[in-house]
Amino acid sequence: MALWPDRLARVRASVDRELADLISARPRRVSQYGGASPDPDRAAFDLAGVLLVGEGGQSDLAGGNTGTWLARIPVGEAELQVDPLVHPKAQNLRKGDLIVAVQRGGAVYEIARVDPPRRNRIVLRLAAQ
């Protein structure tokens, strides 16, 4: 009797039903000479996933000594969690592919890292474009 996988699937479906955003995944191929273009071997597709975007802010490179440096960099985290059973194409996403948050004004993110496989989700770490 497979009680645990069945419960886990129901929990994933409940979370996605309440929290998932419509996402457009756009695979890209990075050239060895720089730049990126759409990947002809992997077509763009739509999926639903839980998009978590950190508040962000700014970090002072001077370490609090603002008289020395005027450089400030934006700091924020974003990740996309996708159910691999519902969206099997998401398993082919790679670093450098684009993610467009359709319901969030078309915000564009680049996949910075794909976390190691987990039991119930594909986790993609994102960088803002």
N, C-alpha and C. Protein backbone atom coordinates (compact mmCIF):
# COMPACT_ATOMS: atom_id res chain seq x y z
N MET A 1 0.85 -1.18 0.00
CA MET A 1 0.00 0.00 0.00
C MET A 1 0.89 1.23 0.00
N ALA A 2 0.64 2.12 -0.93
CA ALA A 2 1.48 3.31 -1.10
C ALA A 2 0.78 4.53 -0.51
N LEU A 3 0.69 4.57 0.78
CA LEU A 3 -0.02 5.65 1.46
C LEU A 3 0.75 6.97 1.41
N TRP A 4 2.05 6.93 1.70
CA TRP A 4 2.84 8.16 1.76
C TRP A 4 2.93 8.87 0.41
N PRO A 5 3.27 8.21 -0.70
CA PRO A 5 3.32 8.92 -1.99
C PRO A 5 1.98 9.52 -2.39
N ASP A 6 0.90 8.83 -2.05
CA ASP A 6 -0.42 9.34 -2.38
C ASP A 6 -0.72 10.62 -1.60
N ARG A 7 -0.40 10.63 -0.33
CA ARG A 7 -0.61 11.84 0.48
C ARG A 7 0.27 12.98 0.01
N LEU A 8 1.51 12.67 -0.32
CA LEU A 8 2.43 13.70 -0.79
C LEU A 8 1.92 14.33 -2.09
N ALA A 9 1.38 13.53 -2.99
CA ALA A 9 0.82 14.04 -4.25
C ALA A 9 -0.39 14.95 -3.98
N ARG A 10 -1.22 14.59 -3.02
CA ARG A 10 -2.38 15.43 -2.69
C ARG A 10 -1.94 16.75 -2.06
N VAL A 11 -0.91 16.72 -1.23
CA VAL A 11 -0.41 17.96 -0.63
C VAL A 11 0.17 18.87 -1.70
N ARG A 12 0.98 18.29 -2.63
CA ARG A 12 1.54 19.10 -3.73
C ARG A 12 0.43 19.74 -4.55
N ALA A 13 -0.60 18.98 -4.86
CA ALA A 13 -1.71 19.52 -5.65
C ALA A 13 -2.43 20.65 -4.91
N SER A 14 -2.60 20.51 -3.60
CA SER A 14 -3.25 21.56 -2.80
C SER A 14 -2.42 22.83 -2.78
N VAL A 15 -1.13 22.69 -2.57
CA VAL A 15 -0.24 23.86 -2.55
C VAL A 15 -0.25 24.55 -3.90
N ASP A 16 -0.14 23.79 -4.97
CA ASP A 16 -0.15 24.39 -6.31
C ASP A 16 -1.48 25.06 -6.62
N ARG A 17 -2.58 24.46 -6.21
CA ARG A 17 -3.89 25.04 -6.47
C ARG A 17 -4.02 26.42 -5.82
N GLU A 18 -3.44 26.60 -4.63
CA GLU A 18 -3.56 27.86 -3.90
C GLU A 18 -2.46 28.87 -4.23
N LEU A 19 -1.25 28.40 -4.51
CA LEU A 19 -0.11 29.31 -4.58
C LEU A 19 0.60 29.41 -5.93
N ALA A 20 0.30 28.51 -6.85
CA ALA A 20 1.08 28.46 -8.09
C ALA A 20 0.79 29.64 -9.01
N ASP A 21 1.83 30.09 -9.69
CA ASP A 21 1.75 31.13 -10.71
C ASP A 21 1.87 30.49 -12.08
N LEU A 22 1.30 31.15 -13.09
CA LEU A 22 1.49 30.72 -14.46
C LEU A 22 2.88 31.18 -14.92
N ILE A 23 3.68 30.25 -15.39
CA ILE A 23 5.06 30.50 -15.78
C ILE A 23 5.27 30.07 -17.22
N SER A 24 6.05 30.85 -17.95
CA SER A 24 6.47 30.47 -19.29
C SER A 24 7.97 30.17 -19.24
N ALA A 25 8.34 28.95 -19.58
CA ALA A 25 9.75 28.54 -19.58
C ALA A 25 10.28 28.66 -21.00
N ARG A 26 11.42 29.33 -21.13
CA ARG A 26 12.02 29.55 -22.45
C ARG A 26 13.46 29.04 -22.45
N PRO A 27 13.64 27.80 -22.87
CA PRO A 27 15.00 27.24 -22.91
C PRO A 27 15.91 28.03 -23.85
N ARG A 28 17.17 28.19 -23.44
CA ARG A 28 18.15 28.91 -24.26
C ARG A 28 19.40 28.07 -24.40
N ARG A 29 20.13 28.37 -25.45
CA ARG A 29 21.42 27.74 -25.69
C ARG A 29 22.46 28.84 -25.60
N VAL A 30 23.46 28.64 -24.75
CA VAL A 30 24.51 29.63 -24.55
C VAL A 30 25.65 29.30 -25.50
N SER A 31 26.07 30.31 -26.26
CA SER A 31 27.15 30.13 -27.22
C SER A 31 28.50 30.20 -26.50
N GLN A 32 29.47 29.47 -27.01
CA GLN A 32 30.81 29.52 -26.43
C GLN A 32 31.46 30.88 -26.68
N TYR A 33 30.91 31.66 -27.59
CA TYR A 33 31.46 32.98 -27.91
C TYR A 33 30.71 34.09 -27.20
N GLY A 34 29.80 33.74 -26.33
CA GLY A 34 29.03 34.72 -25.58
C GLY A 34 27.64 34.88 -26.15
N GLY A 35 26.75 35.32 -25.33
CA GLY A 35 25.37 35.50 -25.75
C GLY A 35 24.57 34.21 -25.67
N ALA A 36 23.28 34.37 -25.79
CA ALA A 36 22.38 33.22 -25.72
C ALA A 36 21.28 33.40 -26.75
N SER A 37 20.77 32.29 -27.23
CA SER A 37 19.67 32.31 -28.20
C SER A 37 18.71 31.17 -27.84
N PRO A 38 17.47 31.24 -28.37
CA PRO A 38 16.53 30.15 -28.09
C PRO A 38 17.11 28.80 -28.52
N ASP A 39 16.87 27.79 -27.72
CA ASP A 39 17.38 26.45 -28.00
C ASP A 39 16.42 25.74 -28.95
N PRO A 40 16.86 25.41 -30.19
CA PRO A 40 15.96 24.75 -31.14
C PRO A 40 15.60 23.32 -30.75
N ASP A 41 16.38 22.70 -29.88
CA ASP A 41 16.13 21.32 -29.46
C ASP A 41 15.12 21.22 -28.32
N ARG A 42 14.88 22.33 -27.64
CA ARG A 42 13.95 22.33 -26.50
C ARG A 42 12.96 23.48 -26.69
N ALA A 43 11.72 23.17 -26.96
CA ALA A 43 10.70 24.19 -27.21
C ALA A 43 10.26 24.87 -25.91
N ALA A 44 9.81 26.11 -26.04
CA ALA A 44 9.25 26.84 -24.90
C ALA A 44 7.94 26.15 -24.49
N PHE A 45 7.60 26.26 -23.21
CA PHE A 45 6.38 25.65 -22.70
C PHE A 45 5.88 26.41 -21.49
N ASP A 46 4.62 26.22 -21.17
CA ASP A 46 4.01 26.84 -20.00
C ASP A 46 3.87 25.82 -18.89
N LEU A 47 3.94 26.30 -17.66
CA LEU A 47 3.77 25.44 -16.50
C LEU A 47 3.24 26.26 -15.35
N ALA A 48 2.88 25.60 -14.29
CA ALA A 48 2.46 26.27 -13.06
C ALA A 48 3.44 25.86 -11.97
N GLY A 49 3.91 26.85 -11.22
CA GLY A 49 4.86 26.57 -10.15
C GLY A 49 4.76 27.63 -9.07
N VAL A 50 5.28 27.31 -7.91
CA VAL A 50 5.29 28.23 -6.79
C VAL A 50 6.53 29.10 -6.91
N LEU A 51 6.30 30.39 -7.18
CA LEU A 51 7.39 31.35 -7.34
C LEU A 51 7.55 32.13 -6.05
N LEU A 52 8.71 31.99 -5.44
CA LEU A 52 9.01 32.69 -4.19
C LEU A 52 10.06 33.76 -4.48
N VAL A 53 9.69 35.01 -4.24
CA VAL A 53 10.60 36.12 -4.52
C VAL A 53 10.88 36.83 -3.20
N GLY A 54 12.18 36.96 -2.87
CA GLY A 54 12.58 37.63 -1.64
C GLY A 54 12.32 39.11 -1.71
N GLU A 55 12.32 39.74 -0.58
CA GLU A 55 12.06 41.16 -0.51
C GLU A 55 13.13 41.98 -1.22
N GLY A 56 14.37 41.48 -1.19
CA GLY A 56 15.44 42.24 -1.83
C GLY A 56 15.87 43.39 -0.94
N GLY A 57 16.65 44.23 -1.47
CA GLY A 57 17.18 45.35 -0.74
C GLY A 57 18.50 45.73 -1.36
N GLN A 58 19.33 46.39 -0.58
CA GLN A 58 20.64 46.76 -1.09
C GLN A 58 21.68 46.45 -0.05
N SER A 59 22.83 46.04 -0.52
CA SER A 59 23.94 45.75 0.36
C SER A 59 25.08 46.70 0.02
N ASP A 60 25.65 47.30 1.04
CA ASP A 60 26.73 48.26 0.84
C ASP A 60 28.05 47.52 0.74
N LEU A 61 28.75 47.69 -0.38
CA LEU A 61 30.04 47.03 -0.57
C LEU A 61 31.11 47.53 0.37
N ALA A 62 30.92 48.70 0.94
CA ALA A 62 31.91 49.27 1.83
C ALA A 62 31.83 48.69 3.24
N GLY A 63 30.87 47.86 3.49
CA GLY A 63 30.75 47.26 4.82
C GLY A 63 30.36 48.26 5.88
N GLY A 64 29.57 49.25 5.52
CA GLY A 64 29.14 50.24 6.49
C GLY A 64 29.96 51.51 6.44
N ASN A 65 31.10 51.47 5.80
CA ASN A 65 31.95 52.65 5.68
C ASN A 65 31.57 53.39 4.40
N THR A 66 30.46 54.12 4.43
CA THR A 66 29.90 54.72 3.22
C THR A 66 30.75 55.85 2.66
N GLY A 67 31.68 56.39 3.43
CA GLY A 67 32.54 57.45 2.91
C GLY A 67 33.58 56.92 1.94
N THR A 68 33.87 55.62 1.98
CA THR A 68 34.90 55.04 1.14
C THR A 68 34.37 54.62 -0.23
N TRP A 69 33.21 53.96 -0.24
CA TRP A 69 32.64 53.44 -1.49
C TRP A 69 31.23 53.99 -1.66
N LEU A 70 30.83 54.12 -2.90
CA LEU A 70 29.45 54.51 -3.18
C LEU A 70 28.72 53.40 -3.91
N ALA A 71 29.34 52.23 -3.98
CA ALA A 71 28.74 51.11 -4.71
C ALA A 71 27.73 50.38 -3.83
N ARG A 72 26.56 50.15 -4.39
CA ARG A 72 25.53 49.37 -3.72
C ARG A 72 25.00 48.37 -4.73
N ILE A 73 24.78 47.15 -4.29
CA ILE A 73 24.28 46.13 -5.19
C ILE A 73 22.93 45.62 -4.69
N PRO A 74 22.02 45.29 -5.61
CA PRO A 74 20.73 44.75 -5.16
C PRO A 74 20.90 43.32 -4.65
N VAL A 75 20.21 43.02 -3.58
CA VAL A 75 20.28 41.69 -3.00
C VAL A 75 18.86 41.15 -2.90
N GLY A 76 18.65 39.99 -3.40
CA GLY A 76 17.33 39.37 -3.33
C GLY A 76 17.41 37.94 -3.80
N GLU A 77 16.48 37.15 -3.40
CA GLU A 77 16.47 35.75 -3.78
C GLU A 77 15.14 35.43 -4.44
N ALA A 78 15.20 34.54 -5.40
CA ALA A 78 13.97 34.05 -6.02
C ALA A 78 14.17 32.57 -6.34
N GLU A 79 13.11 31.81 -6.20
CA GLU A 79 13.17 30.41 -6.58
C GLU A 79 11.82 29.98 -7.10
N LEU A 80 11.86 28.99 -7.96
CA LEU A 80 10.65 28.41 -8.53
C LEU A 80 10.61 26.94 -8.16
N GLN A 81 9.48 26.51 -7.58
CA GLN A 81 9.30 25.12 -7.21
C GLN A 81 8.21 24.52 -8.09
N VAL A 82 8.56 23.42 -8.76
CA VAL A 82 7.67 22.81 -9.75
C VAL A 82 7.44 21.34 -9.39
N ASP A 83 6.21 20.90 -9.55
CA ASP A 83 5.86 19.49 -9.35
C ASP A 83 6.28 18.71 -10.59
N PRO A 84 7.28 17.81 -10.48
CA PRO A 84 7.77 17.09 -11.66
C PRO A 84 6.77 16.08 -12.24
N LEU A 85 5.81 15.62 -11.44
CA LEU A 85 4.83 14.68 -11.96
C LEU A 85 3.80 15.38 -12.86
N VAL A 86 3.50 16.64 -12.55
CA VAL A 86 2.54 17.39 -13.34
C VAL A 86 3.21 18.03 -14.56
N HIS A 87 4.46 18.47 -14.39
CA HIS A 87 5.20 19.15 -15.46
C HIS A 87 6.53 18.45 -15.71
N PRO A 88 6.52 17.29 -16.38
CA PRO A 88 7.76 16.54 -16.59
C PRO A 88 8.79 17.28 -17.46
N LYS A 89 8.35 18.20 -18.32
CA LYS A 89 9.29 18.96 -19.15
C LYS A 89 10.21 19.84 -18.30
N ALA A 90 9.77 20.20 -17.10
CA ALA A 90 10.57 21.05 -16.22
C ALA A 90 11.87 20.36 -15.81
N GLN A 91 11.93 19.04 -15.91
CA GLN A 91 13.16 18.32 -15.56
C GLN A 91 14.28 18.61 -16.56
N ASN A 92 13.94 19.15 -17.74
CA ASN A 92 14.95 19.46 -18.75
C ASN A 92 15.43 20.90 -18.69
N LEU A 93 14.94 21.69 -17.74
CA LEU A 93 15.40 23.07 -17.61
C LEU A 93 16.83 23.08 -17.08
N ARG A 94 17.60 24.06 -17.58
CA ARG A 94 19.02 24.15 -17.23
C ARG A 94 19.40 25.57 -16.83
N LYS A 95 20.58 25.68 -16.29
CA LYS A 95 21.15 26.99 -15.96
C LYS A 95 21.20 27.81 -17.24
N GLY A 96 20.75 29.06 -17.16
CA GLY A 96 20.75 29.96 -18.31
C GLY A 96 19.41 30.08 -19.01
N ASP A 97 18.48 29.13 -18.77
CA ASP A 97 17.15 29.22 -19.37
C ASP A 97 16.38 30.36 -18.72
N LEU A 98 15.41 30.90 -19.45
CA LEU A 98 14.61 32.01 -18.94
C LEU A 98 13.28 31.52 -18.39
N ILE A 99 12.83 32.19 -17.34
CA ILE A 99 11.54 31.94 -16.71
C ILE A 99 10.79 33.27 -16.73
N VAL A 100 9.59 33.28 -17.28
CA VAL A 100 8.77 34.49 -17.34
C VAL A 100 7.56 34.29 -16.44
N ALA A 101 7.42 35.15 -15.45
CA ALA A 101 6.29 35.10 -14.52
C ALA A 101 5.13 35.85 -15.16
N VAL A 102 4.27 35.15 -15.86
CA VAL A 102 3.20 35.75 -16.65
C VAL A 102 2.25 36.57 -15.77
N GLN A 103 1.89 36.06 -14.60
CA GLN A 103 0.93 36.73 -13.73
C GLN A 103 1.56 37.81 -12.86
N ARG A 104 2.84 38.02 -12.99
CA ARG A 104 3.52 39.06 -12.22
C ARG A 104 4.08 40.12 -13.16
N GLY A 105 3.29 40.49 -14.12
CA GLY A 105 3.68 41.55 -15.03
C GLY A 105 4.75 41.15 -16.03
N GLY A 106 4.92 39.87 -16.25
CA GLY A 106 5.92 39.40 -17.21
C GLY A 106 7.35 39.53 -16.71
N ALA A 107 7.54 39.50 -15.40
CA ALA A 107 8.89 39.57 -14.84
C ALA A 107 9.73 38.40 -15.37
N VAL A 108 10.96 38.72 -15.78
CA VAL A 108 11.84 37.72 -16.40
C VAL A 108 12.97 37.37 -15.43
N TYR A 109 13.21 36.08 -15.28
CA TYR A 109 14.30 35.57 -14.44
C TYR A 109 15.12 34.59 -15.26
N GLU A 110 16.38 34.49 -14.91
CA GLU A 110 17.26 33.50 -15.51
C GLU A 110 17.55 32.43 -14.47
N ILE A 111 17.57 31.18 -14.89
CA ILE A 111 17.89 30.10 -13.96
C ILE A 111 19.38 30.18 -13.64
N ALA A 112 19.69 30.44 -12.37
CA ALA A 112 21.08 30.53 -11.93
C ALA A 112 21.61 29.18 -11.48
N ARG A 113 20.70 28.33 -10.97
CA ARG A 113 21.12 27.02 -10.47
C ARG A 113 19.91 26.11 -10.37
N VAL A 114 20.12 24.86 -10.66
CA VAL A 114 19.09 23.84 -10.46
C VAL A 114 19.54 23.01 -9.27
N ASP A 115 18.73 23.02 -8.21
CA ASP A 115 19.09 22.27 -7.01
C ASP A 115 19.05 20.77 -7.29
N PRO A 116 19.79 20.00 -6.50
CA PRO A 116 19.74 18.53 -6.65
C PRO A 116 18.31 18.03 -6.52
N PRO A 117 18.00 16.93 -7.19
CA PRO A 117 16.62 16.41 -7.16
C PRO A 117 16.12 16.16 -5.74
N ARG A 118 14.86 16.50 -5.54
CA ARG A 118 14.19 16.24 -4.27
C ARG A 118 13.05 15.27 -4.52
N ARG A 119 12.48 14.79 -3.47
CA ARG A 119 11.43 13.79 -3.59
C ARG A 119 10.16 14.36 -4.23
N ASN A 120 9.84 15.62 -3.93
CA ASN A 120 8.54 16.11 -4.37
C ASN A 120 8.56 17.36 -5.22
N ARG A 121 9.69 18.02 -5.43
CA ARG A 121 9.74 19.26 -6.19
C ARG A 121 11.05 19.40 -6.96
N ILE A 122 10.96 20.10 -8.08
CA ILE A 122 12.16 20.59 -8.77
C ILE A 122 12.33 22.02 -8.28
N VAL A 123 13.50 22.35 -7.77
CA VAL A 123 13.75 23.69 -7.24
C VAL A 123 14.77 24.39 -8.13
N LEU A 124 14.34 25.53 -8.69
CA LEU A 124 15.18 26.33 -9.57
C LEU A 124 15.50 27.64 -8.87
N ARG A 125 16.79 27.93 -8.68
CA ARG A 125 17.21 29.21 -8.11
C ARG A 125 17.30 30.21 -9.25
N LEU A 126 16.72 31.40 -9.06
CA LEU A 126 16.58 32.36 -10.14
C LEU A 126 17.34 33.65 -9.87
N ALA A 127 17.76 34.28 -10.97
CA ALA A 127 18.39 35.60 -10.92
C ALA A 127 17.53 36.55 -11.76
N ALA A 128 17.28 37.75 -11.25
CA ALA A 128 16.47 38.72 -11.98
C ALA A 128 17.20 39.18 -13.22
N GLN A 129 16.44 39.45 -14.26
CA GLN A 129 17.01 39.95 -15.52
C GLN A 129 16.80 41.43 -15.63
